[in-house]
Structures are given as structure tokens and as C-alpha cells.
Amino acid sequence: MKLSLPTFILAAATLQAESSNARLYASSTNDGHTLTSPRGDIGSTSMPVNTRAMKSSKTDKSRGKIDVPASPPLLGVSNSGSKPKVILAQDTNYPPFTGIGTDLGLTGFGPDFAMGIEEVCNIDITLVQTSWSECWGDNVIGNGLLSGYYHGCTTYTGTKGVRQRYLEFSAPILPMNKAAGILTRLVKGEPVVDGSNSLDGVNVGDVVGWAPTADVLAISKNLCTGDFYSGYTLIPNTPESDENENDVALSQLLNETVDALWIYADQAASYKAACDIDNVQEWDCDLWSKFGTDFAYVQTGFYDYMESGTTLAISKKGSGLADTLNPCIEAFIKTKSYKDLCTKYDMEGACFQNEFFDKSDKEVMPYSLPTNELTTSCSDGYCPCPP
């Protein structure tokens, strides 16, 4: 059928309008918001086309967010969106780094930092709970991390030694200020192993799966004498799946299976402080309430066991996860949100200092000081060097 000229022009205009509308609908969201056409005018939409990811990507770029390399593939996990998906796991018994919030969700400095990097990067972070042993076990990578149940596990210290042979570490989210220490029993207020002891002939315990790892004790120097530790015997323990690893190690010390315990220098203070607020915890408050009466530190302030401070994530060595996360970590540390996060968990003095921090005059806690600088007593939980 032939069309008259006016009819032909009208049909062509209709086709052009329909084509323009189709392009407009294809760039709309499904929430009925207005949008700007390629010509700059404002239209409204009613077609429920879901292009949220595309819209989000444009918004992210306008805000200057960082595009990062794709995350390593995980079996059974879709990663086909516009942003790399990263699944990070953690247990809930490591205050203030991990815990369960009032909303019963995962919380703590580590999970909050992980979610915070979405502020600076085009990345999709998912947090899941696991047991620490699924991440790192008795001087070996945990089955969950090895088998790819998740991309990485949060808040692990970048230690020297065995961890470096199994794991890839992201950039740190805190400086090298997570000190190690040595606990011992107190008998009538006096330590059974004092600060000048070389540990020769001493049975020593270790917290399985936690830093500081047992192997790095051999490269640590006694901070009272300046000598390396040697001649000790490491006594193993095997926590059950439902047992707290720190509880098991402390029980070994208190029941005299070992006379010294290689452990984080702030562990006793952190657990006891939480118990003082609420006696129902994921660890045994009856044990940790004995800090300063039945046991105390005779060495604190060890830092030479570390390659880096607390990291956002560990993963299988060679995974490439650090390539995805590191640009985001480095960018987020420069923000006011990072400073606010440090303030939220009362960690201003423990964080990297950026332009938003005020100069801190906060007192350095005893567990962060080397033993030869302590002015505390065993009853405080921190024995000084012997005279």
C-alpha cells in the first residue's frame, strides 16, 4: 500500500518516537523515578525494567569510586554483576575486632571496615560467619579457606613464619601495634616464671589458630635480658569445635600443664573487660576474671613477630584477592569514615593516623609497652622486669 506524503511523515515520526522511548525505557530503573534523556530533558518511566546495576555504576563513577580487578571465582557464587563480589568470613569472639551486634548481625572493627570500603570502591562485600579454625588451624590453612567456601577471612595479623607459607595477606588496616606477650601463673602474688627467664626447660603453651604463632617465639627476644628464647618445650592442645581456643590454652596454664603461655598481650584485658560488662560471653568469664590474681603477663610489647599489622583479609596464597582489596583499603584509610570507625571502637590511638585525626595524648596501655618500660605490678596483670 502506498502512503501519502503526510501519512508517511506521520508514520516515520511515530517510529522515531517509539525508538526513542525504547531507548529511554532501557536506561530507566524499575522504581518509577524520573530520568534524563540523551537530549537533557526530563521524562518519567513506568516500564519495570531493572537496570539498577547500570545506574549504580554511573552514580559510582560520578562520585569517583575506584574500579578494582575482578575477585577470584568461587564455586556456586555468582559474580556476573558490574562490581566484583567478595565474601569475607569471621568468627564472633574477638572483641573489638569481631562480634555480634544488637541487631544480631556481624559487627566489630573488621566487619565494619570491610563494609566501609564500598564507600570508596565499586565492590560488593558480603560477610559470613565461620569458626576461626576454618580459616587458619594448627599451623595450617583452614579447610573452609582452602576449599573456597569464601574468598577470605578478616582481621588476621600478618605474622612472620608459617602463615607466610600458606596465605596471601591483604594490606593492613591497622599499624604493627598488636603486641604479643607471655602469661604465667601467680603463686602468692609471684610469677612461677619471671620476666628474666629464658624459658629453657619450661613447658610453653600456645593458642591454636591464633597469632602469635608458635614458631615465631624462637625469633623473639626477652625484653628484660635481650636474649633469644630457647630450650623450651611447646605443649600442644587440641580444642574441640565448640571450645574457645584461648580458654583451652589458659586452662593448660592454670592446671599446670604448662608454666608459660605465648599469647596476644591484650587478650586477657580484652576478655576480662567484656566479662566485666556482661558475664555471658563466648569465652569462659570465670577463667578470665582471674587475671591479676591467678595469672599475669611477665612479657609484653613483642612486635618483631609481625610482617604487618592486622589485615582486612587472608586468602589462599596466590589467590589474587589482595589485588582486588588493596586499592580499597588504602583509599578508605584516608577517609573521615575510617577515623569515625576508629572512634566508634575506642581505637583512635591504634589506627593509622590520617588528616581527620586529632593529635592523641591517650595513655599507652601496658600490654602495648615492652616489659622493660612497665611501671605496673603483677596484681595489675603486668609484671615488670625483675630488679
Protein backbone atom coordinates (compact mmCIF):
# COMPACT_ATOMS: atom_id res chain seq x y z
CA MET A 1 0.00 0.00 0.00
CA LYS A 2 1.34 3.39 -0.91
CA LEU A 3 1.28 6.14 1.72
CA SER A 4 0.61 9.77 1.03
CA LEU A 5 3.41 12.11 1.97
CA PRO A 6 1.72 13.44 5.14
CA THR A 7 0.87 9.89 6.24
CA PHE A 8 4.45 8.73 5.55
CA ILE A 9 5.90 11.60 7.61
CA LEU A 10 3.50 10.85 10.49
CA ALA A 11 4.44 7.13 10.45
CA ALA A 12 8.16 7.91 10.44
CA ALA A 13 7.75 10.31 13.35
CA THR A 14 5.83 7.67 15.28
CA LEU A 15 8.55 5.06 14.68
CA GLN A 16 11.22 7.56 15.75
CA ALA A 17 9.32 8.39 18.95
CA GLU A 18 8.80 4.71 19.75
CA SER A 19 12.51 4.03 19.19
CA SER A 20 13.45 6.96 21.44
CA ASN A 21 11.07 5.75 24.15
CA ALA A 22 12.50 2.24 23.92
CA ARG A 23 15.99 3.60 24.46
CA LEU A 24 14.68 5.72 27.33
CA TYR A 25 12.95 2.76 28.97
CA ALA A 26 16.05 0.61 28.59
CA SER A 27 18.04 3.11 30.66
CA SER A 28 15.40 3.51 33.37
CA THR A 29 15.06 1.91 36.78
CA ASN A 30 12.08 -0.07 37.99
CA ASP A 31 11.16 2.36 40.76
CA GLY A 32 9.34 4.98 38.64
CA HIS A 33 11.92 7.73 39.11
CA THR A 34 12.35 10.41 36.52
CA LEU A 35 15.37 10.32 34.26
CA THR A 36 17.23 12.49 31.80
CA SER A 37 17.03 11.63 28.13
CA PRO A 38 20.10 11.87 25.87
CA ARG A 39 18.90 15.36 24.91
CA GLY A 40 18.93 16.52 28.51
CA ASP A 41 15.18 16.79 29.08
CA ILE A 42 13.32 15.02 31.92
CA GLY A 43 10.94 12.15 31.34
CA SER A 44 9.10 9.70 33.59
CA THR A 45 9.05 5.94 33.42
CA SER A 46 6.54 3.26 34.13
CA MET A 47 8.15 0.25 32.44
CA PRO A 48 9.58 -2.07 35.17
CA VAL A 49 13.00 -2.61 33.57
CA ASN A 50 15.67 -3.44 36.19
CA THR A 51 18.91 -1.75 35.26
CA ARG A 52 19.86 -0.80 38.81
CA ALA A 53 23.39 -2.11 38.39
CA MET A 54 23.97 0.12 35.35
CA LYS A 55 22.54 3.15 37.11
CA SER A 56 24.62 2.40 40.21
CA SER A 57 27.76 2.14 38.10
CA LYS A 58 27.15 5.56 36.57
CA THR A 59 26.48 7.06 40.00
CA ASP A 60 29.60 5.43 41.44
CA LYS A 61 31.77 6.83 38.67
CA SER A 62 30.35 10.30 39.23
CA ARG A 63 31.37 10.04 42.86
CA GLY A 64 34.89 9.00 41.93
CA LYS A 65 34.79 5.44 43.25
CA ILE A 66 37.62 3.12 42.32
CA ASP A 67 37.18 0.31 39.82
CA VAL A 68 39.11 -2.73 41.02
CA PRO A 69 40.20 -6.03 39.43
CA ALA A 70 37.75 -8.92 39.48
CA SER A 71 37.72 -11.08 42.59
CA PRO A 72 38.81 -14.74 42.36
CA PRO A 73 35.98 -17.06 41.23
CA LEU A 74 34.19 -19.18 43.84
CA LEU A 75 32.21 -22.30 43.03
CA GLY A 76 28.47 -21.69 43.28
CA VAL A 77 28.81 -17.91 43.68
CA SER A 78 27.54 -15.54 41.00
CA ASN A 79 30.00 -12.78 40.17
CA SER A 80 28.41 -11.52 36.97
CA GLY A 81 27.37 -8.08 38.22
CA SER A 82 29.00 -4.77 37.42
CA LYS A 83 31.05 -4.89 40.64
CA PRO A 84 33.36 -7.63 41.95
CA LYS A 85 31.77 -9.65 44.75
CA VAL A 86 33.96 -10.53 47.75
CA ILE A 87 32.78 -12.87 50.53
CA LEU A 88 34.65 -12.43 53.81
CA ALA A 89 34.30 -14.70 56.86
CA GLN A 90 34.98 -14.29 60.56
CA ASP A 91 34.12 -15.76 63.92
CA THR A 92 32.44 -13.63 66.59
CA ASN A 93 34.68 -13.93 69.67
CA TYR A 94 37.45 -11.39 69.06
CA PRO A 95 36.48 -8.02 70.57
CA PRO A 96 36.67 -5.29 69.41
CA PHE A 97 37.57 -6.74 66.02
CA THR A 98 34.62 -9.11 65.60
CA GLY A 99 31.39 -9.80 67.45
CA ILE A 100 27.60 -9.89 67.18
CA GLY A 101 25.73 -6.60 67.22
CA THR A 102 22.50 -5.64 68.93
CA ASP A 103 20.74 -6.41 65.63
CA LEU A 104 22.26 -9.93 65.83
CA GLY A 105 24.35 -9.21 62.73
CA LEU A 106 28.12 -9.40 62.38
CA THR A 107 29.88 -6.39 63.79
CA GLY A 108 33.26 -5.22 65.02
CA PHE A 109 36.11 -3.17 63.62
CA GLY A 110 36.89 -5.76 60.93
CA PRO A 111 33.39 -6.30 59.51
CA ASP A 112 32.63 -2.58 59.70
CA PHE A 113 35.86 -1.77 57.86
CA ALA A 114 35.00 -4.37 55.21
CA MET A 115 31.60 -2.80 54.56
CA GLY A 116 33.17 0.65 54.66
CA ILE A 117 35.30 0.07 51.58
CA GLU A 118 32.11 0.10 49.48
CA GLU A 119 32.21 3.85 50.13
CA VAL A 120 35.36 4.24 48.04
CA CYS A 121 35.26 1.28 45.62
CA ASN A 122 32.95 -0.33 43.11
CA ILE A 123 32.84 -3.56 45.09
CA ASP A 124 30.19 -5.76 46.68
CA ILE A 125 31.17 -7.09 50.13
CA THR A 126 29.30 -9.98 51.77
CA LEU A 127 30.06 -11.01 55.37
CA VAL A 128 29.54 -14.53 56.67
CA GLN A 129 30.21 -16.22 60.00
CA THR A 130 32.55 -19.18 60.35
CA SER A 131 34.80 -20.67 63.01
CA TRP A 132 38.38 -19.41 63.08
CA SER A 133 39.64 -22.96 62.56
CA GLU A 134 38.02 -22.95 59.11
CA CYS A 135 40.31 -20.04 58.23
CA TRP A 136 43.55 -20.96 59.96
CA GLY A 137 44.15 -24.05 62.10
CA ASP A 138 47.07 -25.60 63.94
CA ASN A 139 49.82 -24.02 61.81
CA VAL A 140 47.97 -24.89 58.59
CA ILE A 141 45.37 -23.18 56.40
CA GLY A 142 41.79 -23.96 57.44
CA ASN A 143 39.60 -26.20 55.32
CA GLY A 144 36.97 -23.53 54.67
CA LEU A 145 39.51 -21.10 53.22
CA LEU A 146 41.41 -23.81 51.35
CA SER A 147 38.22 -25.23 49.82
CA GLY A 148 36.90 -21.85 48.71
CA TYR A 149 33.84 -21.53 50.95
CA TYR A 150 34.60 -17.77 50.92
CA HIS A 151 37.24 -15.52 49.40
CA GLY A 152 38.97 -14.60 52.64
CA CYS A 153 38.86 -14.29 56.41
CA THR A 154 39.11 -10.99 58.26
CA THR A 155 41.31 -9.48 60.99
CA TYR A 156 44.35 -11.77 60.87
CA THR A 157 47.73 -10.40 61.88
CA GLY A 158 50.40 -10.59 59.20
CA THR A 159 52.85 -12.72 61.15
CA LYS A 160 56.23 -13.96 60.08
CA GLY A 161 56.85 -17.66 59.68
CA VAL A 162 54.35 -20.39 58.85
CA ARG A 163 51.43 -18.17 57.85
CA GLN A 164 53.51 -16.61 55.09
CA ARG A 165 53.99 -20.05 53.54
CA TYR A 166 50.25 -20.76 53.26
CA LEU A 167 48.49 -17.42 52.98
CA GLU A 168 48.14 -14.28 50.93
CA PHE A 169 47.61 -11.18 53.08
CA SER A 170 45.80 -8.02 52.09
CA ALA A 171 47.17 -4.64 53.04
CA PRO A 172 46.89 -3.90 56.78
CA ILE A 173 44.02 -1.92 58.26
CA LEU A 174 45.99 -1.15 61.42
CA PRO A 175 49.69 -0.45 62.05
CA MET A 176 52.04 -3.01 63.63
CA ASN A 177 50.73 -2.42 67.14
CA LYS A 178 49.18 -5.77 68.10
CA ALA A 179 51.71 -6.88 70.70
CA ALA A 180 52.40 -10.43 71.80
CA GLY A 181 53.16 -11.46 75.37
CA ILE A 182 53.82 -14.31 77.79
CA LEU A 183 51.43 -15.25 80.58
CA THR A 184 52.30 -17.28 83.67
CA ARG A 185 50.61 -18.35 86.89
CA LEU A 186 50.87 -16.36 90.08
CA VAL A 187 51.54 -18.13 93.37
CA LYS A 188 51.07 -15.87 96.38
CA GLY A 189 51.32 -12.94 94.01
CA GLU A 190 54.62 -14.03 92.46
CA PRO A 191 55.12 -15.38 88.92
CA VAL A 192 56.23 -19.01 88.58
CA VAL A 193 58.27 -17.90 85.54
CA ASP A 194 59.58 -14.35 85.87
CA GLY A 195 60.40 -11.85 83.17
CA SER A 196 64.13 -12.63 83.03
CA ASN A 197 63.55 -16.35 82.38
CA SER A 198 64.97 -17.66 79.08
CA LEU A 199 62.26 -20.40 79.06
CA ASP A 200 64.98 -23.05 78.99
CA GLY A 201 63.37 -26.26 80.30
CA VAL A 202 59.93 -24.62 80.53
CA ASN A 203 56.74 -26.13 79.10
CA VAL A 204 55.09 -23.46 76.96
CA GLY A 205 51.51 -23.33 75.66
CA ASP A 206 50.14 -21.74 72.50
CA VAL A 207 46.68 -20.60 71.38
CA VAL A 208 45.93 -22.87 68.43
CA GLY A 209 44.96 -21.00 65.28
CA TRP A 210 45.69 -17.55 66.72
CA ALA A 211 48.64 -15.22 66.42
CA PRO A 212 51.30 -15.10 67.60
CA THR A 213 52.02 -18.48 66.03
CA ALA A 214 54.19 -20.90 67.98
CA ASP A 215 57.12 -20.78 65.55
CA VAL A 216 57.84 -17.06 65.99
CA LEU A 217 58.59 -17.39 69.72
CA ALA A 218 62.03 -18.67 68.67
CA ILE A 219 62.83 -15.37 66.90
CA SER A 220 61.62 -13.21 69.79
CA LYS A 221 63.95 -11.66 72.35
CA ASN A 222 63.34 -11.47 76.08
CA LEU A 223 62.74 -7.75 76.65
CA CYS A 224 64.27 -7.87 80.13
CA THR A 225 67.56 -9.56 79.15
CA GLY A 226 67.81 -9.04 75.39
CA ASP A 227 68.41 -12.75 74.78
CA PHE A 228 66.51 -15.03 72.41
CA TYR A 229 64.23 -17.67 73.91
CA SER A 230 65.44 -21.24 73.58
CA GLY A 231 65.33 -24.68 75.18
CA TYR A 232 61.58 -24.66 75.85
CA THR A 233 59.06 -27.38 75.00
CA LEU A 234 55.85 -26.48 73.22
CA ILE A 235 52.95 -28.49 74.63
CA PRO A 236 50.16 -28.98 72.09
CA ASN A 237 46.45 -28.77 72.73
CA THR A 238 43.52 -29.69 70.50
CA PRO A 239 40.40 -27.62 71.10
CA GLU A 240 37.08 -29.22 70.23
CA SER A 241 34.98 -27.48 67.58
CA ASP A 242 32.75 -25.91 70.25
CA GLU A 243 35.62 -24.78 72.50
CA ASN A 244 37.23 -21.36 72.61
CA GLU A 245 40.89 -21.73 71.72
CA ASN A 246 42.00 -19.10 74.23
CA ASP A 247 40.03 -20.82 77.01
CA VAL A 248 41.73 -24.14 76.27
CA ALA A 249 45.19 -22.57 76.30
CA LEU A 250 44.58 -20.67 79.54
CA SER A 251 43.21 -23.83 81.20
CA GLN A 252 46.52 -25.55 80.36
CA LEU A 253 48.33 -22.79 82.21
CA LEU A 254 46.07 -22.79 85.25
CA ASN A 255 46.06 -26.59 85.62
CA GLU A 256 49.89 -26.57 85.47
CA THR A 257 50.22 -28.47 82.19
CA VAL A 258 52.34 -25.52 81.06
CA ASP A 259 54.08 -22.77 83.02
CA ALA A 260 54.06 -20.10 80.31
CA LEU A 261 51.59 -19.19 77.58
CA TRP A 262 52.52 -17.44 74.30
CA ILE A 263 49.51 -15.22 73.54
CA TYR A 264 48.40 -11.75 72.46
CA ALA A 265 49.43 -9.22 75.10
CA ASP A 266 45.96 -7.65 75.17
CA GLN A 267 43.96 -10.90 75.17
CA ALA A 268 43.39 -11.15 78.91
CA ALA A 269 42.47 -7.47 79.26
CA SER A 270 40.07 -7.61 76.30
CA TYR A 271 38.26 -10.72 77.52
CA LYS A 272 38.10 -9.58 81.14
CA ALA A 273 36.81 -6.12 80.18
CA ALA A 274 33.98 -7.65 78.16
CA CYS A 275 33.15 -10.00 81.06
CA ASP A 276 33.04 -7.07 83.49
CA ILE A 277 30.26 -5.59 81.35
CA ASP A 278 28.38 -8.84 80.65
CA ASN A 279 29.31 -12.16 82.20
CA VAL A 280 27.72 -14.09 79.31
CA GLN A 281 30.31 -14.31 76.55
CA GLU A 282 31.63 -16.83 74.01
CA TRP A 283 34.57 -17.43 76.33
CA ASP A 284 34.77 -18.53 79.97
CA CYS A 285 34.46 -15.43 82.12
CA ASP A 286 35.21 -17.43 85.27
CA LEU A 287 38.67 -18.16 83.87
CA TRP A 288 39.50 -14.69 82.60
CA SER A 289 38.23 -12.95 85.76
CA LYS A 290 41.31 -14.41 87.49
CA PHE A 291 43.58 -12.05 85.54
CA GLY A 292 45.85 -10.25 88.00
CA THR A 293 45.19 -12.72 90.81
CA ASP A 294 45.90 -16.22 89.45
CA PHE A 295 47.83 -15.30 86.31
CA ALA A 296 49.61 -12.30 84.78
CA TYR A 297 51.91 -11.29 81.95
CA VAL A 298 55.66 -11.42 82.52
CA GLN A 299 56.45 -10.23 78.99
CA THR A 300 54.56 -7.70 76.88
CA GLY A 301 55.22 -5.49 73.88
CA PHE A 302 56.62 -8.04 71.41
CA TYR A 303 56.30 -6.72 67.85
CA ASP A 304 59.09 -8.45 65.97
CA TYR A 305 56.87 -11.47 65.21
CA MET A 306 54.92 -9.45 62.61
CA GLU A 307 55.36 -8.69 58.93
CA SER A 308 52.41 -6.28 59.07
CA GLY A 309 49.61 -5.22 61.38
CA THR A 310 46.05 -6.52 61.42
CA THR A 311 44.91 -7.15 57.84
CA LEU A 312 41.47 -6.99 56.27
CA ALA A 313 41.76 -10.44 54.74
CA ILE A 314 43.79 -13.59 54.42
CA SER A 315 43.25 -15.89 51.45
CA LYS A 316 44.90 -18.83 49.74
CA LYS A 317 48.42 -17.99 48.66
CA GLY A 318 48.35 -16.82 45.05
CA SER A 319 44.58 -16.16 45.06
CA GLY A 320 44.92 -12.57 43.87
CA LEU A 321 42.35 -11.32 46.41
CA ALA A 322 44.81 -8.70 47.65
CA ASP A 323 44.85 -7.14 44.18
CA THR A 324 41.10 -6.60 44.48
CA LEU A 325 41.06 -5.32 48.06
CA ASN A 326 44.26 -3.31 48.46
CA PRO A 327 43.26 -0.21 46.44
CA CYS A 328 40.06 -0.02 48.50
CA ILE A 329 41.88 -0.46 51.81
CA GLU A 330 44.40 2.23 51.01
CA ALA A 331 41.67 4.65 49.89
CA PHE A 332 39.36 4.02 52.85
CA ILE A 333 42.15 4.58 55.40
CA LYS A 334 42.39 8.17 54.14
CA THR A 335 38.73 8.98 54.84
CA LYS A 336 36.84 10.55 57.73
CA SER A 337 34.76 7.36 57.86
CA TYR A 338 37.89 5.43 58.86
CA LYS A 339 38.56 7.91 61.64
CA ASP A 340 34.95 7.62 62.80
CA LEU A 341 35.25 3.83 62.80
CA CYS A 342 38.35 4.02 64.99
CA THR A 343 36.48 6.35 67.36
CA LYS A 344 33.46 4.03 67.46
CA TYR A 345 35.61 1.18 68.80
CA ASP A 346 37.81 3.39 71.02
CA MET A 347 40.82 2.61 68.85
CA GLU A 348 41.96 6.08 67.81
CA GLY A 349 45.46 5.51 69.14
CA ALA A 350 45.70 2.09 67.46
CA CYS A 351 44.72 3.26 63.96
CA PHE A 352 46.65 4.73 61.06
CA GLN A 353 46.53 8.49 61.53
CA ASN A 354 45.03 10.47 58.65
CA GLU A 355 44.19 14.17 58.31
CA PHE A 356 40.93 13.78 60.26
CA PHE A 357 42.57 12.57 63.49
CA ASP A 358 43.39 14.97 66.29
CA LYS A 359 46.75 14.56 67.93
CA SER A 360 46.24 11.83 70.52
CA ASP A 361 47.53 12.12 74.06
CA LYS A 362 45.79 8.93 75.12
CA GLU A 363 47.75 6.84 77.59
CA VAL A 364 49.52 3.84 76.10
CA MET A 365 48.14 0.65 77.64
CA PRO A 366 50.56 -1.65 79.50
CA TYR A 367 50.12 -4.51 77.03
CA SER A 368 51.50 -2.28 74.25
CA LEU A 369 54.64 -1.39 76.18
CA PRO A 370 57.81 -3.51 76.27
CA THR A 371 58.24 -5.18 79.63
CA ASN A 372 61.33 -3.13 80.49
CA GLU A 373 59.21 0.03 80.38
CA LEU A 374 56.38 -1.20 82.62
CA THR A 375 55.63 0.57 85.89
CA THR A 376 52.75 -1.76 86.78
CA SER A 377 52.69 -4.72 89.16
CA CYS A 378 51.64 -8.35 88.84
CA SER A 379 48.38 -7.53 90.59
CA ASP A 380 47.60 -5.22 87.65
CA GLY A 381 48.14 -8.18 85.36
CA TYR A 382 51.50 -6.96 84.03
CA CYS A 383 54.64 -7.90 85.95
CA PRO A 384 57.68 -5.65 85.38
CA CYS A 385 61.19 -6.93 84.79
CA PRO A 386 62.76 -8.36 87.96
CA PRO A 387 65.12 -5.96 89.77
